[in-house]
Amino acid sequence: MAKMKLYYSPGSPYARKVRVLAMETGLDRKIEMVNVVVSPIVPNADVDMHNPIGKIPALAVKGMNLFDSPVICEYLDSQHKGRKLLPRKGRERWVALRLQAMADGPGSSMPRSSRATRARSGRRTSTGPTGSRARPRRSRACSPNSRPRPSR
């Protein structure tokens, strides 16, 4: 029996990030994966029970509920004996956290109202609120090897 239970949806970039960290650390064998359907229109009682905001991913562990992918990733990284994927200090930590923020980018760039409208209409497109297919800009500041520009 799994000691932890992860509520996720395969299409969620946040849940995917948590699942990748679990696989990389070998913790996926200790986690029961619960594939759930979430919608801004129809609440999911299972998810709501573990996350008051009603979003995924949510991790139920030791009588405690964790939600928000960075929090879950930090917890899981603290639970294995191998090399830590999220270093505790120094430049490596900030580089790892920046990469984690980049992994969150695609899901957070779409406004919530657009997701709700798309869910109600049944459309599955990547269009924004204006109907244009805007591509996320890749910034040099997001590159793992970039250096801060001197301030003027």
C-alpha atoms as a PDB file:
ATOM      1  CA  MET A   1       0.000   0.000   0.000  1.00  0.00           C
ATOM      2  CA  ALA A   2       1.318   3.427  -0.912  1.00  0.00           C
ATOM      3  CA  LYS A   3       2.107   5.794   1.944  1.00  0.00           C
ATOM      4  CA  MET A   4       1.393   8.829  -0.217  1.00  0.00           C
ATOM      5  CA  LYS A   5      -1.435   9.627  -2.603  1.00  0.00           C
ATOM      6  CA  LEU A   6      -0.967  12.124  -5.446  1.00  0.00           C
ATOM      7  CA  TYR A   7      -4.058  13.622  -7.070  1.00  0.00           C
ATOM      8  CA  TYR A   8      -3.126  14.690 -10.589  1.00  0.00           C
ATOM      9  CA  SER A   9      -4.273  15.103 -14.163  1.00  0.00           C
ATOM     10  CA  PRO A  10      -1.963  14.033 -17.016  1.00  0.00           C
ATOM     11  CA  GLY A  11      -2.466  17.349 -18.838  1.00  0.00           C
ATOM     12  CA  SER A  12      -1.348  19.500 -15.924  1.00  0.00           C
ATOM     13  CA  PRO A  13       2.224  20.850 -16.256  1.00  0.00           C
ATOM     14  CA  TYR A  14       2.290  21.305 -12.459  1.00  0.00           C
ATOM     15  CA  ALA A  15       1.345  17.694 -11.785  1.00  0.00           C
ATOM     16  CA  ARG A  16       3.779  16.537 -14.481  1.00  0.00           C
ATOM     17  CA  LYS A  17       6.608  18.357 -12.716  1.00  0.00           C
ATOM     18  CA  VAL A  18       5.763  16.575  -9.438  1.00  0.00           C
ATOM     19  CA  ARG A  19       5.514  13.185 -11.166  1.00  0.00           C
ATOM     20  CA  VAL A  20       8.892  13.659 -12.892  1.00  0.00           C
ATOM     21  CA  LEU A  21      10.546  14.526  -9.576  1.00  0.00           C
ATOM     22  CA  ALA A  22       8.940  11.438  -7.995  1.00  0.00           C
ATOM     23  CA  MET A  23      10.258   9.224 -10.814  1.00  0.00           C
ATOM     24  CA  GLU A  24      13.739  10.749 -10.732  1.00  0.00           C
ATOM     25  CA  THR A  25      14.026  10.132  -6.984  1.00  0.00           C
ATOM     26  CA  GLY A  26      12.460   6.654  -7.014  1.00  0.00           C
ATOM     27  CA  LEU A  27       9.562   7.803  -4.839  1.00  0.00           C
ATOM     28  CA  ASP A  28       6.999   6.982  -7.532  1.00  0.00           C
ATOM     29  CA  ARG A  29       6.912   3.424  -6.164  1.00  0.00           C
ATOM     30  CA  LYS A  30       5.694   4.790  -2.819  1.00  0.00           C
ATOM     31  CA  ILE A  31       3.021   7.056  -4.267  1.00  0.00           C
ATOM     32  CA  GLU A  32      -0.443   5.969  -5.300  1.00  0.00           C
ATOM     33  CA  MET A  33      -1.267   8.026  -8.388  1.00  0.00           C
ATOM     34  CA  VAL A  34      -4.919   9.122  -8.545  1.00  0.00           C
ATOM     35  CA  ASN A  35      -5.886  10.485 -11.962  1.00  0.00           C
ATOM     36  CA  VAL A  36      -8.679  13.025 -11.444  1.00  0.00           C
ATOM     37  CA  VAL A  37     -10.716  15.319 -13.649  1.00  0.00           C
ATOM     38  CA  VAL A  38     -10.846  18.945 -12.555  1.00  0.00           C
ATOM     39  CA  SER A  39     -12.882  21.706 -14.092  1.00  0.00           C
ATOM     40  CA  PRO A  40     -13.454  25.351 -13.228  1.00  0.00           C
ATOM     41  CA  ILE A  41     -17.165  24.644 -13.779  1.00  0.00           C
ATOM     42  CA  VAL A  42     -17.726  21.390 -11.848  1.00  0.00           C
ATOM     43  CA  PRO A  43     -15.794  20.948  -8.564  1.00  0.00           C
ATOM     44  CA  ASN A  44     -14.129  17.610  -7.807  1.00  0.00           C
ATOM     45  CA  ALA A  45     -14.953  16.479  -4.249  1.00  0.00           C
ATOM     46  CA  ASP A  46     -11.809  14.299  -3.961  1.00  0.00           C
ATOM     47  CA  VAL A  47      -9.525  17.175  -4.896  1.00  0.00           C
ATOM     48  CA  ASP A  48     -11.431  19.683  -2.748  1.00  0.00           C
ATOM     49  CA  MET A  49     -10.975  17.398   0.254  1.00  0.00           C
ATOM     50  CA  HIS A  50      -7.171  17.631  -0.129  1.00  0.00           C
ATOM     51  CA  ASN A  51      -6.815  21.170  -1.458  1.00  0.00           C
ATOM     52  CA  PRO A  52      -9.159  23.959  -0.331  1.00  0.00           C
ATOM     53  CA  ILE A  53      -8.469  25.801  -3.595  1.00  0.00           C
ATOM     54  CA  GLY A  54      -9.597  22.762  -5.603  1.00  0.00           C
ATOM     55  CA  LYS A  55      -6.520  22.594  -7.832  1.00  0.00           C
ATOM     56  CA  ILE A  56      -4.059  19.850  -8.664  1.00  0.00           C
ATOM     57  CA  PRO A  57      -1.600  18.500  -7.832  1.00  0.00           C
ATOM     58  CA  ALA A  58      -2.404  17.633  -4.245  1.00  0.00           C
ATOM     59  CA  LEU A  59      -0.457  15.152  -2.122  1.00  0.00           C
ATOM     60  CA  ALA A  60      -1.999  13.347   0.846  1.00  0.00           C
ATOM     61  CA  VAL A  61       0.739  12.106   3.168  1.00  0.00           C
ATOM     62  CA  LYS A  62       0.840  11.139   6.856  1.00  0.00           C
ATOM     63  CA  GLY A  63      -2.495  12.759   7.682  1.00  0.00           C
ATOM     64  CA  MET A  64      -1.393  15.996   6.019  1.00  0.00           C
ATOM     65  CA  ASN A  65      -2.378  17.502   2.682  1.00  0.00           C
ATOM     66  CA  LEU A  66       0.174  19.353   0.585  1.00  0.00           C
ATOM     67  CA  PHE A  67      -0.696  21.352  -2.497  1.00  0.00           C
ATOM     68  CA  ASP A  68       1.057  23.670  -4.952  1.00  0.00           C
ATOM     69  CA  SER A  69       3.702  21.947  -7.027  1.00  0.00           C
ATOM     70  CA  PRO A  70       6.741  23.776  -5.546  1.00  0.00           C
ATOM     71  CA  VAL A  71       5.666  22.753  -2.025  1.00  0.00           C
ATOM     72  CA  ILE A  72       5.100  19.132  -3.073  1.00  0.00           C
ATOM     73  CA  CYS A  73       8.434  19.027  -4.928  1.00  0.00           C
ATOM     74  CA  GLU A  74      10.301  20.370  -1.879  1.00  0.00           C
ATOM     75  CA  TYR A  75       8.606  17.776   0.331  1.00  0.00           C
ATOM     76  CA  LEU A  76       9.346  14.861  -2.000  1.00  0.00           C
ATOM     77  CA  ASP A  77      12.952  15.971  -2.460  1.00  0.00           C
ATOM     78  CA  SER A  78      13.376  15.871   1.320  1.00  0.00           C
ATOM     79  CA  GLN A  79      12.050  12.294   1.496  1.00  0.00           C
ATOM     80  CA  HIS A  80      14.709  10.390  -0.439  1.00  0.00           C
ATOM     81  CA  LYS A  81      18.307   9.533   0.350  1.00  0.00           C
ATOM     82  CA  GLY A  82      19.823  10.273  -3.068  1.00  0.00           C
ATOM     83  CA  ARG A  83      21.261  13.485  -4.482  1.00  0.00           C
ATOM     84  CA  LYS A  84      18.840  16.342  -3.920  1.00  0.00           C
ATOM     85  CA  LEU A  85      17.270  17.800  -7.039  1.00  0.00           C
ATOM     86  CA  LEU A  86      16.474  21.048  -5.220  1.00  0.00           C
ATOM     87  CA  PRO A  87      19.702  22.083  -3.481  1.00  0.00           C
ATOM     88  CA  ARG A  88      19.314  23.686  -0.058  1.00  0.00           C
ATOM     89  CA  LYS A  89      21.620  26.673  -0.558  1.00  0.00           C
ATOM     90  CA  GLY A  90      23.917  28.583  -2.870  1.00  0.00           C
ATOM     91  CA  ARG A  91      23.705  29.411  -6.540  1.00  0.00           C
ATOM     92  CA  GLU A  92      22.578  25.858  -7.383  1.00  0.00           C
ATOM     93  CA  ARG A  93      19.390  26.371  -5.356  1.00  0.00           C
ATOM     94  CA  TRP A  94      18.450  29.538  -7.206  1.00  0.00           C
ATOM     95  CA  VAL A  95      19.170  27.957 -10.583  1.00  0.00           C
ATOM     96  CA  ALA A  96      16.971  24.966  -9.643  1.00  0.00           C
ATOM     97  CA  LEU A  97      14.155  27.213  -8.410  1.00  0.00           C
ATOM     98  CA  ARG A  98      14.355  29.270 -11.595  1.00  0.00           C
ATOM     99  CA  LEU A  99      14.079  26.094 -13.681  1.00  0.00           C
ATOM    100  CA  GLN A 100      11.109  25.038 -11.567  1.00  0.00           C
ATOM    101  CA  ALA A 101       9.445  28.398 -12.247  1.00  0.00           C
ATOM    102  CA  MET A 102      10.070  27.898 -15.983  1.00  0.00           C
ATOM    103  CA  ALA A 103       8.310  24.523 -15.758  1.00  0.00           C
ATOM    104  CA  ASP A 104       5.292  26.331 -14.282  1.00  0.00           C
ATOM    105  CA  GLY A 105       5.259  28.921 -17.056  1.00  0.00           C
ATOM    106  CA  PRO A 106       3.114  27.281 -19.752  1.00  0.00           C
ATOM    107  CA  GLY A 107       0.197  26.606 -17.409  1.00  0.00           C
ATOM    108  CA  SER A 108       0.240  29.943 -15.667  1.00  0.00           C
ATOM    109  CA  SER A 109       0.380  32.017 -18.857  1.00  0.00           C
ATOM    110  CA  MET A 110      -3.247  31.286 -19.772  1.00  0.00           C
ATOM    111  CA  PRO A 111      -5.725  33.445 -17.879  1.00  0.00           C
ATOM    112  CA  ARG A 112      -8.131  31.544 -15.646  1.00  0.00           C
ATOM    113  CA  SER A 113     -11.166  33.065 -17.390  1.00  0.00           C
ATOM    114  CA  SER A 114      -9.902  31.786 -20.728  1.00  0.00           C
ATOM    115  CA  ARG A 115      -9.580  28.271 -19.296  1.00  0.00           C
ATOM    116  CA  ALA A 116     -13.123  28.480 -17.914  1.00  0.00           C
ATOM    117  CA  THR A 117     -14.499  29.723 -21.239  1.00  0.00           C
ATOM    118  CA  ARG A 118     -12.689  26.982 -23.106  1.00  0.00           C
ATOM    119  CA  ALA A 119     -13.982  24.346 -20.660  1.00  0.00           C
ATOM    120  CA  ARG A 120     -17.589  25.525 -21.044  1.00  0.00           C
ATOM    121  CA  SER A 121     -17.377  25.571 -24.842  1.00  0.00           C
ATOM    122  CA  GLY A 122     -15.572  22.227 -25.073  1.00  0.00           C
ATOM    123  CA  ARG A 123     -12.803  23.761 -27.212  1.00  0.00           C
ATOM    124  CA  ARG A 124      -9.295  22.394 -26.851  1.00  0.00           C
ATOM    125  CA  THR A 125      -7.117  25.098 -28.344  1.00  0.00           C
ATOM    126  CA  SER A 126      -4.231  27.142 -27.082  1.00  0.00           C
ATOM    127  CA  THR A 127      -5.734  30.455 -28.071  1.00  0.00           C
ATOM    128  CA  GLY A 128      -5.671  33.344 -25.664  1.00  0.00           C
ATOM    129  CA  PRO A 129      -8.554  35.624 -24.738  1.00  0.00           C
ATOM    130  CA  THR A 130      -8.229  37.554 -28.023  1.00  0.00           C
ATOM    131  CA  GLY A 131      -8.265  34.389 -30.121  1.00  0.00           C
ATOM    132  CA  SER A 132      -4.639  34.736 -31.208  1.00  0.00           C
ATOM    133  CA  ARG A 133      -2.222  31.894 -30.771  1.00  0.00           C
ATOM    134  CA  ALA A 134       0.395  33.779 -28.826  1.00  0.00           C
ATOM    135  CA  ARG A 135       3.616  31.869 -28.278  1.00  0.00           C
ATOM    136  CA  PRO A 136       5.434  32.353 -24.992  1.00  0.00           C
ATOM    137  CA  ARG A 137       8.565  34.429 -25.406  1.00  0.00           C
ATOM    138  CA  ARG A 138      11.758  32.816 -24.293  1.00  0.00           C
ATOM    139  CA  SER A 139      13.874  35.259 -22.397  1.00  0.00           C
ATOM    140  CA  ARG A 140      17.631  35.163 -22.030  1.00  0.00           C
ATOM    141  CA  ALA A 141      17.021  35.769 -18.321  1.00  0.00           C
ATOM    142  CA  CYS A 142      15.465  32.301 -18.113  1.00  0.00           C
ATOM    143  CA  SER A 143      18.505  30.533 -19.488  1.00  0.00           C
ATOM    144  CA  PRO A 144      20.294  28.462 -16.800  1.00  0.00           C
ATOM    145  CA  ASN A 145      23.645  30.006 -17.803  1.00  0.00           C
ATOM    146  CA  SER A 146      22.551  33.613 -18.051  1.00  0.00           C
ATOM    147  CA  ARG A 147      24.116  36.330 -15.975  1.00  0.00           C
ATOM    148  CA  PRO A 148      22.249  39.335 -14.617  1.00  0.00           C
ATOM    149  CA  ARG A 149      22.621  42.496 -16.650  1.00  0.00           C
ATOM    150  CA  PRO A 150      24.265  45.431 -14.886  1.00  0.00           C
ATOM    151  CA  SER A 151      21.708  47.967 -13.703  1.00  0.00           C
ATOM    152  CA  ARG A 152      21.747  51.397 -15.280  1.00  0.00           C
END
